N, C-alpha and C. Protein backbone atom coordinates (compact mmCIF):
# COMPACT_ATOMS: atom_id res chain seq x y z
N UNK A 1 105.95 212.05 -16.63
CA UNK A 1 105.51 211.19 -15.53
C UNK A 1 106.33 209.90 -15.61
N UNK A 2 106.94 209.47 -14.47
CA UNK A 2 107.70 208.18 -14.49
C UNK A 2 106.78 207.02 -14.77
N UNK A 3 107.33 206.01 -15.37
CA UNK A 3 106.57 204.80 -15.66
C UNK A 3 106.59 203.92 -14.40
N UNK A 4 105.40 203.65 -13.90
CA UNK A 4 105.27 202.75 -12.72
C UNK A 4 104.68 201.42 -13.17
N UNK A 5 105.14 200.36 -12.55
CA UNK A 5 104.69 199.04 -12.86
C UNK A 5 103.27 198.85 -12.24
N UNK A 6 102.51 197.89 -12.77
CA UNK A 6 101.19 197.63 -12.13
C UNK A 6 101.31 197.33 -10.65
N UNK A 7 102.34 196.61 -10.25
CA UNK A 7 102.55 196.30 -8.82
C UNK A 7 102.87 197.53 -8.01
N UNK A 8 103.69 198.43 -8.55
CA UNK A 8 103.99 199.69 -7.87
C UNK A 8 102.75 200.55 -7.70
N UNK A 9 101.93 200.57 -8.75
CA UNK A 9 100.66 201.34 -8.64
C UNK A 9 99.74 200.75 -7.60
N UNK A 10 99.71 199.40 -7.51
CA UNK A 10 98.89 198.72 -6.53
C UNK A 10 99.37 199.06 -5.10
N UNK A 11 100.68 199.01 -4.91
CA UNK A 11 101.24 199.31 -3.60
C UNK A 11 101.03 200.78 -3.24
N UNK A 12 101.23 201.63 -4.21
CA UNK A 12 101.02 203.07 -3.97
C UNK A 12 99.58 203.36 -3.59
N UNK A 13 98.66 202.70 -4.19
CA UNK A 13 97.26 202.88 -3.86
C UNK A 13 97.00 202.47 -2.41
N UNK A 14 97.58 201.33 -2.00
CA UNK A 14 97.38 200.84 -0.61
C UNK A 14 98.06 201.80 0.34
N UNK A 15 99.19 202.41 -0.03
CA UNK A 15 99.87 203.42 0.82
C UNK A 15 98.94 204.59 1.03
N UNK A 16 98.22 205.01 -0.01
CA UNK A 16 97.31 206.14 0.17
C UNK A 16 96.18 205.87 1.14
N UNK A 17 95.86 204.58 1.31
CA UNK A 17 94.83 204.20 2.28
C UNK A 17 95.42 204.04 3.69
N UNK A 18 96.72 204.25 3.84
CA UNK A 18 97.35 204.19 5.13
C UNK A 18 97.76 202.80 5.61
N UNK A 19 97.82 201.87 4.67
CA UNK A 19 98.25 200.47 5.00
C UNK A 19 99.71 200.44 5.44
N UNK A 20 100.00 199.56 6.36
CA UNK A 20 101.41 199.29 6.75
C UNK A 20 102.04 198.34 5.69
N UNK A 21 103.33 198.20 5.82
CA UNK A 21 104.04 197.25 4.92
C UNK A 21 103.49 195.89 5.10
N UNK A 22 103.23 195.47 6.33
CA UNK A 22 102.67 194.14 6.61
C UNK A 22 101.32 193.96 5.96
N UNK A 23 100.47 194.96 6.10
CA UNK A 23 99.10 194.88 5.50
C UNK A 23 99.19 194.84 3.97
N UNK A 24 100.12 195.61 3.39
CA UNK A 24 100.28 195.60 1.89
C UNK A 24 100.73 194.21 1.49
N UNK A 25 101.70 193.68 2.20
CA UNK A 25 102.24 192.35 1.82
C UNK A 25 101.13 191.29 1.88
N UNK A 26 100.29 191.35 2.90
CA UNK A 26 99.22 190.38 2.97
C UNK A 26 98.18 190.61 1.85
N UNK A 27 97.92 191.86 1.55
CA UNK A 27 96.90 192.17 0.56
C UNK A 27 97.30 191.71 -0.86
N UNK A 28 98.59 191.90 -1.22
CA UNK A 28 99.04 191.56 -2.55
C UNK A 28 99.79 190.22 -2.62
N UNK A 29 99.83 189.55 -1.45
CA UNK A 29 100.41 188.25 -1.34
C UNK A 29 101.88 188.16 -1.74
N UNK A 30 102.65 189.08 -1.22
CA UNK A 30 104.12 189.05 -1.34
C UNK A 30 104.71 189.24 0.06
N UNK A 31 106.03 189.05 0.20
CA UNK A 31 106.61 189.20 1.50
C UNK A 31 106.94 190.66 1.77
N UNK A 32 107.12 190.98 3.06
CA UNK A 32 107.29 192.36 3.47
C UNK A 32 108.58 192.97 2.86
N UNK A 33 109.60 192.16 2.70
CA UNK A 33 110.87 192.64 2.07
C UNK A 33 110.60 193.16 0.67
N UNK A 34 109.74 192.43 -0.09
CA UNK A 34 109.46 192.87 -1.44
C UNK A 34 108.67 194.18 -1.41
N UNK A 35 107.79 194.33 -0.47
CA UNK A 35 107.05 195.59 -0.33
C UNK A 35 108.02 196.75 -0.11
N UNK A 36 108.98 196.51 0.78
CA UNK A 36 109.97 197.55 1.12
C UNK A 36 110.79 197.91 -0.15
N UNK A 37 111.16 196.89 -0.95
CA UNK A 37 111.90 197.12 -2.19
C UNK A 37 111.06 197.94 -3.18
N UNK A 38 109.75 197.63 -3.32
CA UNK A 38 108.89 198.35 -4.22
C UNK A 38 108.74 199.83 -3.76
N UNK A 39 108.59 200.00 -2.46
CA UNK A 39 108.49 201.36 -1.95
C UNK A 39 109.75 202.14 -2.20
N UNK A 40 110.91 201.53 -2.02
CA UNK A 40 112.20 202.19 -2.32
C UNK A 40 112.26 202.59 -3.78
N UNK A 41 111.80 201.71 -4.67
CA UNK A 41 111.75 202.07 -6.11
C UNK A 41 110.80 203.22 -6.36
N UNK A 42 109.68 203.28 -5.67
CA UNK A 42 108.76 204.39 -5.80
C UNK A 42 109.35 205.68 -5.31
N UNK A 43 110.07 205.63 -4.18
CA UNK A 43 110.75 206.80 -3.68
C UNK A 43 111.73 207.36 -4.73
N UNK A 44 112.46 206.49 -5.32
CA UNK A 44 113.48 206.90 -6.34
C UNK A 44 112.77 207.46 -7.58
N UNK A 45 111.74 206.78 -8.06
CA UNK A 45 111.08 207.22 -9.31
C UNK A 45 110.32 208.53 -9.11
N UNK A 46 109.76 208.73 -7.94
CA UNK A 46 108.98 209.93 -7.72
C UNK A 46 109.69 211.00 -6.93
N UNK A 47 110.97 210.75 -6.59
CA UNK A 47 111.78 211.74 -5.92
C UNK A 47 111.32 212.06 -4.51
N UNK A 48 110.82 211.04 -3.82
CA UNK A 48 110.30 211.20 -2.49
C UNK A 48 111.24 210.66 -1.42
N UNK A 49 111.04 211.09 -0.18
CA UNK A 49 111.91 210.57 0.92
C UNK A 49 111.11 210.00 2.07
N UNK A 50 109.81 210.10 2.02
CA UNK A 50 108.98 209.45 3.06
C UNK A 50 107.62 209.21 2.45
N UNK A 51 106.75 208.51 3.16
CA UNK A 51 105.44 208.14 2.62
C UNK A 51 104.59 209.36 2.28
N UNK A 52 104.58 210.35 3.15
CA UNK A 52 103.77 211.52 2.84
C UNK A 52 104.19 212.21 1.58
N UNK A 53 105.50 212.39 1.41
CA UNK A 53 105.99 213.07 0.19
C UNK A 53 105.81 212.17 -1.01
N UNK A 54 105.86 210.86 -0.82
CA UNK A 54 105.58 209.95 -1.95
C UNK A 54 104.20 210.09 -2.43
N UNK A 55 103.23 210.08 -1.54
CA UNK A 55 101.84 210.23 -1.88
C UNK A 55 101.59 211.59 -2.52
N UNK A 56 102.16 212.62 -1.98
CA UNK A 56 101.97 213.97 -2.54
C UNK A 56 102.60 214.05 -3.97
N UNK A 57 103.75 213.44 -4.15
CA UNK A 57 104.38 213.45 -5.45
C UNK A 57 103.54 212.71 -6.47
N UNK A 58 102.95 211.58 -6.07
CA UNK A 58 102.12 210.80 -6.96
C UNK A 58 100.87 211.57 -7.34
N UNK A 59 100.26 212.22 -6.35
CA UNK A 59 99.08 212.98 -6.66
C UNK A 59 99.40 214.17 -7.59
N UNK A 60 100.54 214.80 -7.38
CA UNK A 60 100.99 215.87 -8.25
C UNK A 60 101.20 215.35 -9.66
N UNK A 61 101.87 214.21 -9.80
CA UNK A 61 102.13 213.62 -11.12
C UNK A 61 100.81 213.30 -11.83
N UNK A 62 99.81 212.79 -11.09
CA UNK A 62 98.52 212.51 -11.67
C UNK A 62 97.80 213.74 -12.10
N UNK A 63 97.91 214.83 -11.34
CA UNK A 63 97.25 216.08 -11.67
C UNK A 63 97.92 216.68 -12.93
N UNK A 64 99.22 216.61 -12.99
CA UNK A 64 99.94 217.17 -14.17
C UNK A 64 99.66 216.33 -15.42
N UNK A 65 99.55 215.00 -15.21
CA UNK A 65 99.35 214.08 -16.37
C UNK A 65 97.93 214.08 -16.90
N UNK A 66 96.96 214.63 -16.14
CA UNK A 66 95.60 214.56 -16.61
C UNK A 66 95.22 215.67 -17.55
């Protein structure tokens, strides 16, 4: 399982709730550009290419890791 930072995990959780980049930025008090950068890192770490595949990959990693 790839190592995710606490911020990446926080953003990933908000993505699973269907939040937009703007909503995530407001929730964690960072700018939208930083949210986009974190999501890009998540795509790379989890081998995803869109939000749906990112969430599916994360759920799969959690299931394998438990």
